[in-house]
N, C-alpha and C. Protein backbone atom coordinates (compact mmCIF):
# COMPACT_ATOMS: atom_id res chain seq x y z
N MET A 1 -16.06 -0.97 -41.38
CA MET A 1 -14.84 -0.25 -41.10
C MET A 1 -14.91 1.12 -41.77
N ARG A 2 -14.49 2.11 -41.05
CA ARG A 2 -14.46 3.46 -41.58
C ARG A 2 -13.27 3.62 -42.51
N ALA A 3 -13.42 4.44 -43.54
CA ALA A 3 -12.34 4.65 -44.49
C ALA A 3 -11.16 5.34 -43.80
N PRO A 4 -9.95 5.02 -44.23
CA PRO A 4 -8.77 5.69 -43.64
C PRO A 4 -8.85 7.20 -43.82
N LEU A 5 -8.21 7.89 -42.92
CA LEU A 5 -8.17 9.35 -43.00
C LEU A 5 -7.49 9.79 -44.28
N ALA A 6 -8.04 10.80 -44.89
CA ALA A 6 -7.41 11.40 -46.06
C ALA A 6 -6.70 12.67 -45.58
N LEU A 7 -5.39 12.62 -45.52
CA LEU A 7 -4.61 13.76 -45.05
C LEU A 7 -3.93 14.45 -46.22
N THR A 8 -3.78 15.74 -46.10
CA THR A 8 -3.04 16.50 -47.10
C THR A 8 -1.54 16.26 -46.87
N PRO A 9 -0.71 16.53 -47.87
CA PRO A 9 0.73 16.38 -47.67
C PRO A 9 1.27 17.25 -46.53
N ASP A 10 0.70 18.44 -46.35
CA ASP A 10 1.12 19.30 -45.24
C ASP A 10 0.77 18.68 -43.89
N GLU A 11 -0.41 18.09 -43.80
CA GLU A 11 -0.82 17.44 -42.56
C GLU A 11 0.08 16.24 -42.24
N VAL A 12 0.43 15.48 -43.27
CA VAL A 12 1.32 14.33 -43.07
C VAL A 12 2.68 14.81 -42.56
N THR A 13 3.19 15.87 -43.16
CA THR A 13 4.48 16.43 -42.72
C THR A 13 4.41 16.91 -41.28
N THR A 14 3.34 17.60 -40.94
CA THR A 14 3.17 18.10 -39.57
C THR A 14 3.06 16.95 -38.58
N LEU A 15 2.26 15.95 -38.90
CA LEU A 15 2.09 14.81 -38.00
C LEU A 15 3.38 14.00 -37.87
N ASP A 16 4.10 13.88 -38.97
CA ASP A 16 5.37 13.15 -38.92
C ASP A 16 6.36 13.87 -38.00
N ALA A 17 6.43 15.17 -38.11
CA ALA A 17 7.31 15.95 -37.23
C ALA A 17 6.86 15.82 -35.78
N CYS A 18 5.56 15.87 -35.56
CA CYS A 18 5.02 15.75 -34.21
C CYS A 18 5.30 14.36 -33.64
N SER A 19 5.21 13.34 -34.47
CA SER A 19 5.42 11.97 -33.99
C SER A 19 6.87 11.71 -33.63
N HIS A 20 7.79 12.55 -34.08
CA HIS A 20 9.20 12.38 -33.75
C HIS A 20 9.71 13.39 -32.73
N HIS A 21 9.12 14.60 -32.72
CA HIS A 21 9.72 15.67 -31.94
C HIS A 21 8.81 16.29 -30.88
N ALA A 22 7.60 15.78 -30.72
CA ALA A 22 6.71 16.35 -29.71
C ALA A 22 7.32 16.18 -28.33
N ARG A 23 7.04 17.13 -27.48
CA ARG A 23 7.64 17.14 -26.14
C ARG A 23 7.15 15.97 -25.30
N HIS A 24 5.88 15.63 -25.43
CA HIS A 24 5.30 14.60 -24.58
C HIS A 24 5.10 13.29 -25.34
N PRO A 25 5.48 12.17 -24.75
CA PRO A 25 5.33 10.87 -25.44
C PRO A 25 3.90 10.55 -25.84
N ARG A 26 2.93 10.95 -25.02
CA ARG A 26 1.53 10.66 -25.36
C ARG A 26 1.12 11.41 -26.62
N GLN A 27 1.61 12.61 -26.79
CA GLN A 27 1.30 13.37 -28.00
C GLN A 27 1.94 12.71 -29.22
N ARG A 28 3.17 12.22 -29.07
CA ARG A 28 3.83 11.50 -30.18
C ARG A 28 3.03 10.27 -30.57
N ARG A 29 2.53 9.55 -29.56
CA ARG A 29 1.76 8.33 -29.83
C ARG A 29 0.47 8.64 -30.56
N ARG A 30 -0.21 9.71 -30.17
CA ARG A 30 -1.45 10.10 -30.85
C ARG A 30 -1.19 10.46 -32.31
N ALA A 31 -0.11 11.19 -32.56
CA ALA A 31 0.23 11.55 -33.94
C ALA A 31 0.56 10.30 -34.76
N GLN A 32 1.26 9.35 -34.16
CA GLN A 32 1.58 8.10 -34.85
C GLN A 32 0.31 7.32 -35.18
N ALA A 33 -0.67 7.36 -34.28
CA ALA A 33 -1.93 6.66 -34.53
C ALA A 33 -2.68 7.28 -35.70
N VAL A 34 -2.72 8.60 -35.75
CA VAL A 34 -3.40 9.27 -36.87
C VAL A 34 -2.70 8.94 -38.18
N LEU A 35 -1.38 8.97 -38.18
CA LEU A 35 -0.63 8.59 -39.39
C LEU A 35 -0.88 7.13 -39.77
N GLY A 36 -0.92 6.26 -38.79
CA GLY A 36 -1.18 4.85 -39.06
C GLY A 36 -2.53 4.63 -39.69
N HIS A 37 -3.54 5.34 -39.21
CA HIS A 37 -4.87 5.20 -39.79
C HIS A 37 -4.88 5.76 -41.21
N HIS A 38 -4.18 6.84 -41.44
CA HIS A 38 -4.06 7.40 -42.79
C HIS A 38 -3.41 6.38 -43.74
N ARG A 39 -2.49 5.60 -43.22
CA ARG A 39 -1.77 4.63 -44.04
C ARG A 39 -2.51 3.30 -44.17
N GLY A 40 -3.72 3.22 -43.60
CA GLY A 40 -4.56 2.06 -43.84
C GLY A 40 -4.72 1.09 -42.68
N GLN A 41 -4.12 1.37 -41.54
CA GLN A 41 -4.29 0.47 -40.40
C GLN A 41 -5.68 0.69 -39.80
N THR A 42 -6.28 -0.39 -39.33
CA THR A 42 -7.59 -0.30 -38.71
C THR A 42 -7.45 0.17 -37.26
N LEU A 43 -8.57 0.58 -36.69
CA LEU A 43 -8.56 1.01 -35.29
C LEU A 43 -8.19 -0.15 -34.37
N ASN A 44 -8.63 -1.35 -34.70
CA ASN A 44 -8.26 -2.52 -33.89
C ASN A 44 -6.77 -2.78 -33.94
N GLN A 45 -6.18 -2.66 -35.11
CA GLN A 45 -4.72 -2.85 -35.24
C GLN A 45 -3.97 -1.79 -34.45
N LEU A 46 -4.42 -0.55 -34.54
CA LEU A 46 -3.76 0.53 -33.81
C LEU A 46 -3.91 0.34 -32.30
N ALA A 47 -5.10 -0.07 -31.87
CA ALA A 47 -5.32 -0.30 -30.44
C ALA A 47 -4.41 -1.41 -29.93
N ALA A 48 -4.25 -2.46 -30.69
CA ALA A 48 -3.36 -3.55 -30.29
C ALA A 48 -1.90 -3.09 -30.27
N PHE A 49 -1.50 -2.33 -31.26
CA PHE A 49 -0.12 -1.86 -31.34
C PHE A 49 0.23 -0.94 -30.17
N PHE A 50 -0.67 -0.02 -29.84
CA PHE A 50 -0.40 0.93 -28.76
C PHE A 50 -0.84 0.41 -27.39
N ALA A 51 -1.40 -0.78 -27.35
CA ALA A 51 -1.86 -1.41 -26.10
C ALA A 51 -2.86 -0.53 -25.36
N VAL A 52 -3.84 -0.04 -26.11
CA VAL A 52 -4.92 0.75 -25.55
C VAL A 52 -6.23 0.18 -26.06
N ARG A 53 -7.33 0.70 -25.53
CA ARG A 53 -8.65 0.24 -25.99
C ARG A 53 -9.00 0.87 -27.34
N TYR A 54 -9.89 0.20 -28.02
CA TYR A 54 -10.41 0.70 -29.30
C TYR A 54 -10.98 2.11 -29.13
N ALA A 55 -11.72 2.32 -28.04
CA ALA A 55 -12.35 3.62 -27.79
C ALA A 55 -11.31 4.72 -27.63
N THR A 56 -10.15 4.39 -27.10
CA THR A 56 -9.08 5.37 -26.93
C THR A 56 -8.58 5.84 -28.30
N VAL A 57 -8.33 4.91 -29.18
CA VAL A 57 -7.87 5.27 -30.53
C VAL A 57 -8.96 6.05 -31.26
N HIS A 58 -10.19 5.62 -31.10
CA HIS A 58 -11.31 6.33 -31.72
C HIS A 58 -11.36 7.77 -31.21
N GLY A 59 -11.11 7.97 -29.94
CA GLY A 59 -11.09 9.31 -29.37
C GLY A 59 -9.97 10.17 -29.94
N TRP A 60 -8.80 9.57 -30.13
CA TRP A 60 -7.68 10.30 -30.73
C TRP A 60 -8.04 10.76 -32.14
N LEU A 61 -8.63 9.87 -32.91
CA LEU A 61 -8.99 10.22 -34.29
C LEU A 61 -10.12 11.25 -34.33
N SER A 62 -11.05 11.14 -33.41
CA SER A 62 -12.13 12.14 -33.34
C SER A 62 -11.57 13.50 -32.97
N ALA A 63 -10.61 13.52 -32.05
CA ALA A 63 -9.98 14.79 -31.66
C ALA A 63 -9.25 15.40 -32.85
N TRP A 64 -8.58 14.57 -33.64
CA TRP A 64 -7.89 15.07 -34.82
C TRP A 64 -8.89 15.64 -35.83
N ARG A 65 -9.98 14.91 -36.07
CA ARG A 65 -10.98 15.37 -37.03
C ARG A 65 -11.63 16.68 -36.58
N GLY A 66 -11.85 16.81 -35.28
CA GLY A 66 -12.55 17.98 -34.76
C GLY A 66 -11.66 19.20 -34.55
N GLN A 67 -10.41 18.98 -34.11
CA GLN A 67 -9.57 20.10 -33.72
C GLN A 67 -8.22 20.14 -34.42
N GLY A 68 -7.92 19.15 -35.22
CA GLY A 68 -6.62 19.11 -35.87
C GLY A 68 -5.52 18.82 -34.86
N LEU A 69 -4.38 19.40 -35.06
CA LEU A 69 -3.22 19.14 -34.20
C LEU A 69 -3.50 19.53 -32.75
N ALA A 70 -4.30 20.56 -32.55
CA ALA A 70 -4.63 20.99 -31.18
C ALA A 70 -5.36 19.88 -30.42
N GLY A 71 -6.08 19.03 -31.11
CA GLY A 71 -6.78 17.93 -30.46
C GLY A 71 -5.86 16.85 -29.94
N LEU A 72 -4.62 16.81 -30.43
CA LEU A 72 -3.66 15.80 -30.00
C LEU A 72 -2.77 16.28 -28.87
N LEU A 73 -2.86 17.56 -28.54
CA LEU A 73 -2.00 18.12 -27.49
C LEU A 73 -2.36 17.55 -26.13
N GLU A 74 -1.38 17.56 -25.26
CA GLU A 74 -1.57 17.08 -23.90
C GLU A 74 -2.36 18.13 -23.12
N GLY A 75 -3.44 17.72 -22.50
CA GLY A 75 -4.28 18.64 -21.74
C GLY A 75 -3.95 18.59 -20.25
N GLN A 76 -4.72 19.33 -19.50
CA GLN A 76 -4.57 19.33 -18.05
C GLN A 76 -4.99 17.98 -17.50
N ARG A 77 -4.29 17.54 -16.47
CA ARG A 77 -4.63 16.29 -15.81
C ARG A 77 -4.95 16.58 -14.36
N ALA A 78 -5.84 15.78 -13.83
CA ALA A 78 -6.18 15.93 -12.42
C ALA A 78 -5.00 15.48 -11.57
N GLY A 79 -4.88 16.05 -10.44
CA GLY A 79 -3.80 15.68 -9.54
C GLY A 79 -4.19 15.96 -8.10
N ARG A 80 -3.31 15.61 -7.23
CA ARG A 80 -3.54 15.84 -5.82
C ARG A 80 -3.48 17.35 -5.55
N PRO A 81 -4.44 17.85 -4.75
CA PRO A 81 -4.38 19.28 -4.43
C PRO A 81 -3.18 19.58 -3.54
N PRO A 82 -2.62 20.77 -3.65
CA PRO A 82 -1.47 21.11 -2.82
C PRO A 82 -1.84 21.18 -1.34
N LYS A 83 -0.90 20.77 -0.48
CA LYS A 83 -1.13 20.82 0.95
C LYS A 83 -0.75 22.16 1.55
N LEU A 84 0.12 22.89 0.87
CA LEU A 84 0.54 24.19 1.36
C LEU A 84 -0.57 25.21 1.17
N PRO A 85 -0.78 26.06 2.15
CA PRO A 85 -1.76 27.14 1.95
C PRO A 85 -1.25 28.12 0.89
N PRO A 86 -2.15 28.83 0.24
CA PRO A 86 -1.73 29.74 -0.84
C PRO A 86 -0.68 30.76 -0.39
N ALA A 87 -0.74 31.22 0.84
CA ALA A 87 0.24 32.20 1.31
C ALA A 87 1.65 31.59 1.34
N ALA A 88 1.76 30.34 1.71
CA ALA A 88 3.06 29.68 1.78
C ALA A 88 3.59 29.35 0.38
N GLN A 89 2.70 29.15 -0.57
CA GLN A 89 3.12 28.83 -1.94
C GLN A 89 3.76 30.04 -2.62
N LYS A 90 3.37 31.24 -2.23
CA LYS A 90 3.89 32.46 -2.85
C LYS A 90 5.34 32.72 -2.49
N LYS A 91 5.83 32.15 -1.40
CA LYS A 91 7.20 32.40 -0.94
C LYS A 91 8.21 31.77 -1.81
């Protein structure tokens, strides 16, 4: 088992605020997972709690380690391409 994250008091404050006030629920969940790991929960416990795979939680923590809060932000998602031609979209 990997050691729990060692967060600074400022990081804990930022993550706590994000876990309560982030605009997107997925971002709140990622912040809660990082805080949970800091508080000693294992990746398996976090995966069970959030009903996701172990690899998903591992990815969240890796994003936090690599990019900080920016790694927890909601990114672009694939979607259906628009059916309207670009000229009609401008109207």
